């Protein structure tokens, strides 16, 4: 099971690969849409890559609840537990 920092770093890598957003910009308090300017199509790709990287399942109905980086980190940590 990965800790918060490992999950954050992994998400930052995925987001950087998909959108070009710098890893340093991916902080727990950032909103995917407002702060990081990630659209719904990119978000779905990020979700699929996160599922593969962290070995978790993120149901489509949960994706809409992942509005901040913290939400995603918390969901992944809980799913791994």
PDB file of N, CA and C in Angstrom:
ATOM      1  N   UNK A   1       0.841  -1.190   0.000  1.00  0.00           N
ATOM      2  CA  UNK A   1       0.000   0.000   0.000  1.00  0.00           C
ATOM      3  C   UNK A   1       0.883   1.249   0.000  1.00  0.00           C
ATOM      4  N   UNK A   2       0.579   2.155  -0.904  1.00  0.00           N
ATOM      5  CA  UNK A   2       1.367   3.384  -1.023  1.00  0.00           C
ATOM      6  C   UNK A   2       0.889   4.424  -0.007  1.00  0.00           C
ATOM      7  N   UNK A   3       1.806   5.268   0.442  1.00  0.00           N
ATOM      8  CA  UNK A   3       1.392   6.345   1.341  1.00  0.00           C
ATOM      9  C   UNK A   3       0.999   7.575   0.522  1.00  0.00           C
ATOM     10  N   UNK A   4       0.512   8.594   1.215  1.00  0.00           N
ATOM     11  CA  UNK A   4       0.001   9.797   0.545  1.00  0.00           C
ATOM     12  C   UNK A   4       1.026  10.396  -0.399  1.00  0.00           C
ATOM     13  N   UNK A   5       2.268  10.510   0.044  1.00  0.00           N
ATOM     14  CA  UNK A   5       3.294  11.130  -0.803  1.00  0.00           C
ATOM     15  C   UNK A   5       3.588  10.298  -2.044  1.00  0.00           C
ATOM     16  N   UNK A   6       3.589   8.971  -1.897  1.00  0.00           N
ATOM     17  CA  UNK A   6       3.833   8.103  -3.058  1.00  0.00           C
ATOM     18  C   UNK A   6       2.692   8.201  -4.062  1.00  0.00           C
ATOM     19  N   UNK A   7       1.464   8.237  -3.547  1.00  0.00           N
ATOM     20  CA  UNK A   7       0.304   8.366  -4.431  1.00  0.00           C
ATOM     21  C   UNK A   7       0.334   9.726  -5.130  1.00  0.00           C
ATOM     22  N   UNK A   8       0.617  10.776  -4.367  1.00  0.00           N
ATOM     23  CA  UNK A   8       0.696  12.124  -4.943  1.00  0.00           C
ATOM     24  C   UNK A   8       1.755  12.182  -6.043  1.00  0.00           C
ATOM     25  N   UNK A   9       2.925  11.623  -5.779  1.00  0.00           N
ATOM     26  CA  UNK A   9       4.004  11.624  -6.771  1.00  0.00           C
ATOM     27  C   UNK A   9       3.600  10.841  -8.018  1.00  0.00           C
ATOM     28  N   UNK A  10       2.947   9.699  -7.809  1.00  0.00           N
ATOM     29  CA  UNK A  10       2.494   8.893  -8.942  1.00  0.00           C
ATOM     30  C   UNK A  10       1.453   9.619  -9.772  1.00  0.00           C
ATOM     31  N   UNK A  11       0.497  10.262  -9.094  1.00  0.00           N
ATOM     32  CA  UNK A  11      -0.519  11.041  -9.807  1.00  0.00           C
ATOM     33  C   UNK A  11       0.116  12.204 -10.556  1.00  0.00           C
ATOM     34  N   UNK A  12       1.074  12.858  -9.932  1.00  0.00           N
ATOM     35  CA  UNK A  12       1.762  13.984 -10.578  1.00  0.00           C
ATOM     36  C   UNK A  12       2.439  13.525 -11.869  1.00  0.00           C
ATOM     37  N   UNK A  13       3.061  12.337 -11.837  1.00  0.00           N
ATOM     38  CA  UNK A  13       3.695  11.782 -13.041  1.00  0.00           C
ATOM     39  C   UNK A  13       2.662  11.541 -14.143  1.00  0.00           C
ATOM     40  N   UNK A  14       1.543  10.924 -13.757  1.00  0.00           N
ATOM     41  CA  UNK A  14       0.487  10.607 -14.725  1.00  0.00           C
ATOM     42  C   UNK A  14      -0.081  11.899 -15.323  1.00  0.00           C
ATOM     43  N   UNK A  15      -0.371  12.880 -14.472  1.00  0.00           N
ATOM     44  CA  UNK A  15      -0.941  14.153 -14.924  1.00  0.00           C
ATOM     45  C   UNK A  15       0.040  14.878 -15.838  1.00  0.00           C
ATOM     46  N   UNK A  16       1.324  14.852 -15.475  1.00  0.00           N
ATOM     47  CA  UNK A  16       2.345  15.486 -16.317  1.00  0.00           C
ATOM     48  C   UNK A  16       2.411  14.827 -17.691  1.00  0.00           C
ATOM     49  N   UNK A  17       2.381  13.495 -17.734  1.00  0.00           N
ATOM     50  CA  UNK A  17       2.444  12.783 -19.014  1.00  0.00           C
ATOM     51  C   UNK A  17       1.233  13.095 -19.881  1.00  0.00           C
ATOM     52  N   UNK A  18       0.056  13.184 -19.255  1.00  0.00           N
ATOM     53  CA  UNK A  18      -1.185  13.385 -20.005  1.00  0.00           C
ATOM     54  C   UNK A  18      -1.386  14.836 -20.436  1.00  0.00           C
ATOM     55  N   UNK A  19      -1.043  15.792 -19.571  1.00  0.00           N
ATOM     56  CA  UNK A  19      -1.421  17.184 -19.810  1.00  0.00           C
ATOM     57  C   UNK A  19      -0.244  18.154 -19.930  1.00  0.00           C
ATOM     58  N   UNK A  20       0.950  17.716 -19.492  1.00  0.00           N
ATOM     59  CA  UNK A  20       2.088  18.620 -19.510  1.00  0.00           C
ATOM     60  C   UNK A  20       2.164  19.524 -18.289  1.00  0.00           C
ATOM     61  N   UNK A  21       1.221  19.375 -17.349  1.00  0.00           N
ATOM     62  CA  UNK A  21       1.268  20.156 -16.106  1.00  0.00           C
ATOM     63  C   UNK A  21       2.491  19.703 -15.309  1.00  0.00           C
ATOM     64  N   UNK A  22       3.275  20.666 -14.829  1.00  0.00           N
ATOM     65  CA  UNK A  22       4.478  20.334 -14.050  1.00  0.00           C
ATOM     66  C   UNK A  22       4.104  19.542 -12.801  1.00  0.00           C
ATOM     67  N   UNK A  23       4.943  18.550 -12.456  1.00  0.00           N
ATOM     68  CA  UNK A  23       4.680  17.739 -11.258  1.00  0.00           C
ATOM     69  C   UNK A  23       4.559  18.593 -10.004  1.00  0.00           C
ATOM     70  N   UNK A  24       5.384  19.643  -9.903  1.00  0.00           N
ATOM     71  CA  UNK A  24       5.355  20.511  -8.722  1.00  0.00           C
ATOM     72  C   UNK A  24       4.016  21.223  -8.558  1.00  0.00           C
ATOM     73  N   UNK A  25       3.285  21.407  -9.649  1.00  0.00           N
ATOM     74  CA  UNK A  25       1.990  22.102  -9.601  1.00  0.00           C
ATOM     75  C   UNK A  25       0.881  21.205  -9.057  1.00  0.00           C
ATOM     76  N   UNK A  26       1.127  19.899  -9.065  1.00  0.00           N
ATOM     77  CA  UNK A  26       0.105  18.951  -8.597  1.00  0.00           C
ATOM     78  C   UNK A  26       0.222  18.831  -7.074  1.00  0.00           C
ATOM     79  N   UNK A  27      -0.599  19.614  -6.388  1.00  0.00           N
ATOM     80  CA  UNK A  27      -0.614  19.650  -4.917  1.00  0.00           C
ATOM     81  C   UNK A  27      -1.966  19.143  -4.422  1.00  0.00           C
ATOM     82  N   UNK A  28      -2.002  18.679  -3.174  1.00  0.00           N
ATOM     83  CA  UNK A  28      -3.221  18.096  -2.619  1.00  0.00           C
ATOM     84  C   UNK A  28      -4.419  19.037  -2.677  1.00  0.00           C
ATOM     85  N   UNK A  29      -4.187  20.338  -2.500  1.00  0.00           N
ATOM     86  CA  UNK A  29      -5.309  21.281  -2.447  1.00  0.00           C
ATOM     87  C   UNK A  29      -5.761  21.785  -3.817  1.00  0.00           C
ATOM     88  N   UNK A  30      -5.159  21.284  -4.883  1.00  0.00           N
ATOM     89  CA  UNK A  30      -5.487  21.770  -6.227  1.00  0.00           C
ATOM     90  C   UNK A  30      -6.716  21.049  -6.797  1.00  0.00           C
ATOM     91  N   UNK A  31      -7.557  21.830  -7.474  1.00  0.00           N
ATOM     92  CA  UNK A  31      -8.709  21.280  -8.188  1.00  0.00           C
ATOM     93  C   UNK A  31      -8.247  20.850  -9.576  1.00  0.00           C
ATOM     94  N   UNK A  32      -8.723  19.679 -10.016  1.00  0.00           N
ATOM     95  CA  UNK A  32      -8.335  19.196 -11.346  1.00  0.00           C
ATOM     96  C   UNK A  32      -8.779  20.170 -12.443  1.00  0.00           C
ATOM     97  N   UNK A  33     -10.013  20.673 -12.345  1.00  0.00           N
ATOM     98  CA  UNK A  33     -10.534  21.530 -13.411  1.00  0.00           C
ATOM     99  C   UNK A  33     -10.133  22.986 -13.225  1.00  0.00           C
ATOM    100  N   UNK A  34     -10.303  23.508 -12.010  1.00  0.00           N
ATOM    101  CA  UNK A  34     -10.061  24.934 -11.766  1.00  0.00           C
ATOM    102  C   UNK A  34      -8.570  25.290 -11.806  1.00  0.00           C
ATOM    103  N   UNK A  35      -7.763  24.548 -11.040  1.00  0.00           N
ATOM    104  CA  UNK A  35      -6.340  24.893 -10.881  1.00  0.00           C
ATOM    105  C   UNK A  35      -5.434  24.262 -11.937  1.00  0.00           C
ATOM    106  N   UNK A  36      -5.716  23.010 -12.297  1.00  0.00           N
ATOM    107  CA  UNK A  36      -4.828  22.284 -13.204  1.00  0.00           C
ATOM    108  C   UNK A  36      -5.351  22.264 -14.647  1.00  0.00           C
ATOM    109  N   UNK A  37      -6.559  22.797 -14.850  1.00  0.00           N
ATOM    110  CA  UNK A  37      -7.138  22.931 -16.184  1.00  0.00           C
ATOM    111  C   UNK A  37      -7.213  21.599 -16.926  1.00  0.00           C
ATOM    112  N   UNK A  38      -7.683  20.563 -16.222  1.00  0.00           N
ATOM    113  CA  UNK A  38      -7.797  19.226 -16.805  1.00  0.00           C
ATOM    114  C   UNK A  38      -9.245  19.025 -17.248  1.00  0.00           C
ATOM    115  N   UNK A  39      -9.436  18.700 -18.544  1.00  0.00           N
ATOM    116  CA  UNK A  39     -10.789  18.482 -19.047  1.00  0.00           C
ATOM    117  C   UNK A  39     -11.236  17.043 -18.778  1.00  0.00           C
ATOM    118  N   UNK A  40     -12.509  16.767 -19.063  1.00  0.00           N
ATOM    119  CA  UNK A  40     -13.074  15.463 -18.714  1.00  0.00           C
ATOM    120  C   UNK A  40     -12.416  14.321 -19.488  1.00  0.00           C
ATOM    121  N   UNK A  41     -12.024  14.570 -20.725  1.00  0.00           N
ATOM    122  CA  UNK A  41     -11.365  13.523 -21.513  1.00  0.00           C
ATOM    123  C   UNK A  41     -10.002  13.176 -20.919  1.00  0.00           C
ATOM    124  N   UNK A  42      -9.222  14.200 -20.596  1.00  0.00           N
ATOM    125  CA  UNK A  42      -7.915  13.952 -19.968  1.00  0.00           C
ATOM    126  C   UNK A  42      -8.097  13.278 -18.614  1.00  0.00           C
ATOM    127  N   UNK A  43      -9.149  13.681 -17.880  1.00  0.00           N
ATOM    128  CA  UNK A  43      -9.394  13.096 -16.561  1.00  0.00           C
ATOM    129  C   UNK A  43      -9.646  11.596 -16.675  1.00  0.00           C
ATOM    130  N   UNK A  44     -10.395  11.180 -17.699  1.00  0.00           N
ATOM    131  CA  UNK A  44     -10.661   9.748 -17.871  1.00  0.00           C
ATOM    132  C   UNK A  44      -9.363   8.984 -18.156  1.00  0.00           C
ATOM    133  N   UNK A  45      -8.489   9.566 -18.961  1.00  0.00           N
ATOM    134  CA  UNK A  45      -7.198   8.931 -19.241  1.00  0.00           C
ATOM    135  C   UNK A  45      -6.365   8.843 -17.965  1.00  0.00           C
ATOM    136  N   UNK A  46      -6.372   9.919 -17.177  1.00  0.00           N
ATOM    137  CA  UNK A  46      -5.640   9.937 -15.910  1.00  0.00           C
ATOM    138  C   UNK A  46      -6.179   8.850 -14.979  1.00  0.00           C
ATOM    139  N   UNK A  47      -7.501   8.710 -14.920  1.00  0.00           N
ATOM    140  CA  UNK A  47      -8.121   7.686 -14.072  1.00  0.00           C
ATOM    141  C   UNK A  47      -7.684   6.287 -14.501  1.00  0.00           C
ATOM    142  N   UNK A  48      -7.731   6.006 -15.795  1.00  0.00           N
ATOM    143  CA  UNK A  48      -7.333   4.688 -16.309  1.00  0.00           C
ATOM    144  C   UNK A  48      -5.863   4.408 -15.964  1.00  0.00           C
ATOM    145  N   UNK A  49      -5.006   5.397 -16.174  1.00  0.00           N
ATOM    146  CA  UNK A  49      -3.582   5.224 -15.860  1.00  0.00           C
ATOM    147  C   UNK A  49      -3.356   5.052 -14.362  1.00  0.00           C
ATOM    148  N   UNK A  50      -4.130   5.772 -13.543  1.00  0.00           N
ATOM    149  CA  UNK A  50      -4.006   5.636 -12.083  1.00  0.00           C
ATOM    150  C   UNK A  50      -4.463   4.251 -11.637  1.00  0.00           C
ATOM    151  N   UNK A  51      -5.530   3.738 -12.254  1.00  0.00           N
ATOM    152  CA  UNK A  51      -5.999   2.390 -11.923  1.00  0.00           C
ATOM    153  C   UNK A  51      -4.899   1.363 -12.184  1.00  0.00           C
ATOM    154  N   UNK A  52      -4.236   1.505 -13.326  1.00  0.00           N
ATOM    155  CA  UNK A  52      -3.153   0.578 -13.682  1.00  0.00           C
ATOM    156  C   UNK A  52      -1.973   0.729 -12.736  1.00  0.00           C
ATOM    157  N   UNK A  53      -1.574   1.976 -12.491  1.00  0.00           N
ATOM    158  CA  UNK A  53      -0.381   2.232 -11.678  1.00  0.00           C
ATOM    159  C   UNK A  53      -0.553   1.769 -10.234  1.00  0.00           C
ATOM    160  N   UNK A  54      -1.747   2.013  -9.667  1.00  0.00           N
ATOM    161  CA  UNK A  54      -1.959   1.727  -8.244  1.00  0.00           C
ATOM    162  C   UNK A  54      -2.733   0.446  -7.985  1.00  0.00           C
ATOM    163  N   UNK A  55      -3.151  -0.249  -9.051  1.00  0.00           N
ATOM    164  CA  UNK A  55      -3.849  -1.517  -8.882  1.00  0.00           C
ATOM    165  C   UNK A  55      -5.198  -1.375  -8.194  1.00  0.00           C
ATOM    166  N   UNK A  56      -5.912  -0.297  -8.521  1.00  0.00           N
ATOM    167  CA  UNK A  56      -7.230  -0.062  -7.931  1.00  0.00           C
ATOM    168  C   UNK A  56      -8.265   0.089  -9.034  1.00  0.00           C
ATOM    169  N   UNK A  57      -9.526   0.042  -8.641  1.00  0.00           N
ATOM    170  CA  UNK A  57     -10.634   0.277  -9.568  1.00  0.00           C
ATOM    171  C   UNK A  57     -11.331   1.558  -9.141  1.00  0.00           C
ATOM    172  N   UNK A  58     -11.481   2.496 -10.073  1.00  0.00           N
ATOM    173  CA  UNK A  58     -12.186   3.746  -9.795  1.00  0.00           C
ATOM    174  C   UNK A  58     -13.440   3.752 -10.673  1.00  0.00           C
ATOM    175  N   UNK A  59     -14.597   3.423 -10.068  1.00  0.00           N
ATOM    176  CA  UNK A  59     -15.838   3.371 -10.877  1.00  0.00           C
ATOM    177  C   UNK A  59     -16.157   4.731 -11.506  1.00  0.00           C
ATOM    178  N   UNK A  60     -16.770   4.691 -12.694  1.00  0.00           N
ATOM    179  CA  UNK A  60     -17.102   5.925 -13.412  1.00  0.00           C
ATOM    180  C   UNK A  60     -17.919   6.880 -12.549  1.00  0.00           C
ATOM    181  N   UNK A  61     -18.849   6.338 -11.745  1.00  0.00           N
ATOM    182  CA  UNK A  61     -19.687   7.214 -10.918  1.00  0.00           C
ATOM    183  C   UNK A  61     -18.893   7.892  -9.802  1.00  0.00           C
ATOM    184  N   UNK A  62     -17.712   7.358  -9.479  1.00  0.00           N
ATOM    185  CA  UNK A  62     -16.858   7.980  -8.456  1.00  0.00           C
ATOM    186  C   UNK A  62     -16.003   9.109  -9.030  1.00  0.00           C
ATOM    187  N   UNK A  63     -15.720   9.045 -10.317  1.00  0.00           N
ATOM    188  CA  UNK A  63     -14.817  10.023 -10.933  1.00  0.00           C
ATOM    189  C   UNK A  63     -15.330  11.447 -10.734  1.00  0.00           C
ATOM    190  N   UNK A  64     -16.643  11.638 -10.853  1.00  0.00           N
ATOM    191  CA  UNK A  64     -17.204  12.986 -10.689  1.00  0.00           C
ATOM    192  C   UNK A  64     -16.997  13.537  -9.277  1.00  0.00           C
ATOM    193  N   UNK A  65     -16.773  12.652  -8.302  1.00  0.00           N
ATOM    194  CA  UNK A  65     -16.529  13.078  -6.921  1.00  0.00           C
ATOM    195  C   UNK A  65     -15.060  13.446  -6.679  1.00  0.00           C
ATOM    196  N   UNK A  66     -14.203  13.127  -7.623  1.00  0.00           N
ATOM    197  CA  UNK A  66     -12.774  13.414  -7.485  1.00  0.00           C
ATOM    198  C   UNK A  66     -12.498  14.801  -8.063  1.00  0.00           C
ATOM    199  N   UNK A  67     -12.787  15.827  -7.275  1.00  0.00           N
ATOM    200  CA  UNK A  67     -12.628  17.185  -7.791  1.00  0.00           C
ATOM    201  C   UNK A  67     -11.257  17.770  -7.486  1.00  0.00           C
ATOM    202  N   UNK A  68     -10.635  17.309  -6.399  1.00  0.00           N
ATOM    203  CA  UNK A  68      -9.296  17.798  -6.048  1.00  0.00           C
ATOM    204  C   UNK A  68      -8.303  16.644  -6.061  1.00  0.00           C
ATOM    205  N   UNK A  69      -7.043  17.007  -6.069  1.00  0.00           N
ATOM    206  CA  UNK A  69      -5.983  15.996  -6.003  1.00  0.00           C
ATOM    207  C   UNK A  69      -6.118  15.210  -4.694  1.00  0.00           C
ATOM    208  N   UNK A  70      -6.469  15.897  -3.606  1.00  0.00           N
ATOM    209  CA  UNK A  70      -6.668  15.228  -2.309  1.00  0.00           C
ATOM    210  C   UNK A  70      -7.748  14.148  -2.409  1.00  0.00           C
ATOM    211  N   UNK A  71      -8.855  14.462  -3.093  1.00  0.00           N
ATOM    212  CA  UNK A  71      -9.933  13.475  -3.269  1.00  0.00           C
ATOM    213  C   UNK A  71      -9.396  12.208  -3.937  1.00  0.00           C
ATOM    214  N   UNK A  72      -8.610  12.391  -4.981  1.00  0.00           N
ATOM    215  CA  UNK A  72      -8.070  11.246  -5.720  1.00  0.00           C
ATOM    216  C   UNK A  72      -7.096  10.454  -4.862  1.00  0.00           C
ATOM    217  N   UNK A  73      -6.215  11.140  -4.150  1.00  0.00           N
ATOM    218  CA  UNK A  73      -5.244  10.475  -3.276  1.00  0.00           C
ATOM    219  C   UNK A  73      -5.978   9.677  -2.197  1.00  0.00           C
ATOM    220  N   UNK A  74      -6.985  10.281  -1.573  1.00  0.00           N
ATOM    221  CA  UNK A  74      -7.744   9.605  -0.523  1.00  0.00           C
ATOM    222  C   UNK A  74      -8.458   8.367  -1.074  1.00  0.00           C
ATOM    223  N   UNK A  75      -9.068   8.513  -2.260  1.00  0.00           N
ATOM    224  CA  UNK A  75      -9.786   7.391  -2.862  1.00  0.00           C
ATOM    225  C   UNK A  75      -8.832   6.230  -3.145  1.00  0.00           C
ATOM    226  N   UNK A  76      -7.690   6.531  -3.735  1.00  0.00           N
ATOM    227  CA  UNK A  76      -6.714   5.487  -4.076  1.00  0.00           C
ATOM    228  C   UNK A  76      -6.203   4.811  -2.802  1.00  0.00           C
ATOM    229  N   UNK A  77      -5.885   5.597  -1.785  1.00  0.00           N
ATOM    230  CA  UNK A  77      -5.385   5.030  -0.519  1.00  0.00           C
ATOM    231  C   UNK A  77      -6.425   4.107   0.098  1.00  0.00           C
ATOM    232  N   UNK A  78      -7.680   4.526   0.082  1.00  0.00           N
ATOM    233  CA  UNK A  78      -8.757   3.706   0.647  1.00  0.00           C
ATOM    234  C   UNK A  78      -8.961   2.453  -0.171  1.00  0.00           C
ATOM    235  N   UNK A  79      -8.898   2.567  -1.487  1.00  0.00           N
ATOM    236  CA  UNK A  79      -9.099   1.422  -2.382  1.00  0.00           C
ATOM    237  C   UNK A  79      -7.981   0.392  -2.218  1.00  0.00           C
ATOM    238  N   UNK A  80      -6.798   0.844  -1.851  1.00  0.00           N
ATOM    239  CA  UNK A  80      -5.664  -0.066  -1.668  1.00  0.00           C
ATOM    240  C   UNK A  80      -5.705  -0.762  -0.316  1.00  0.00           C
ATOM    241  N   UNK A  81      -6.402  -0.183   0.646  1.00  0.00           N
ATOM    242  CA  UNK A  81      -6.416  -0.713   2.025  1.00  0.00           C
ATOM    243  C   UNK A  81      -7.094  -2.070   2.095  1.00  0.00           C
TER     244      UNK A  81
END
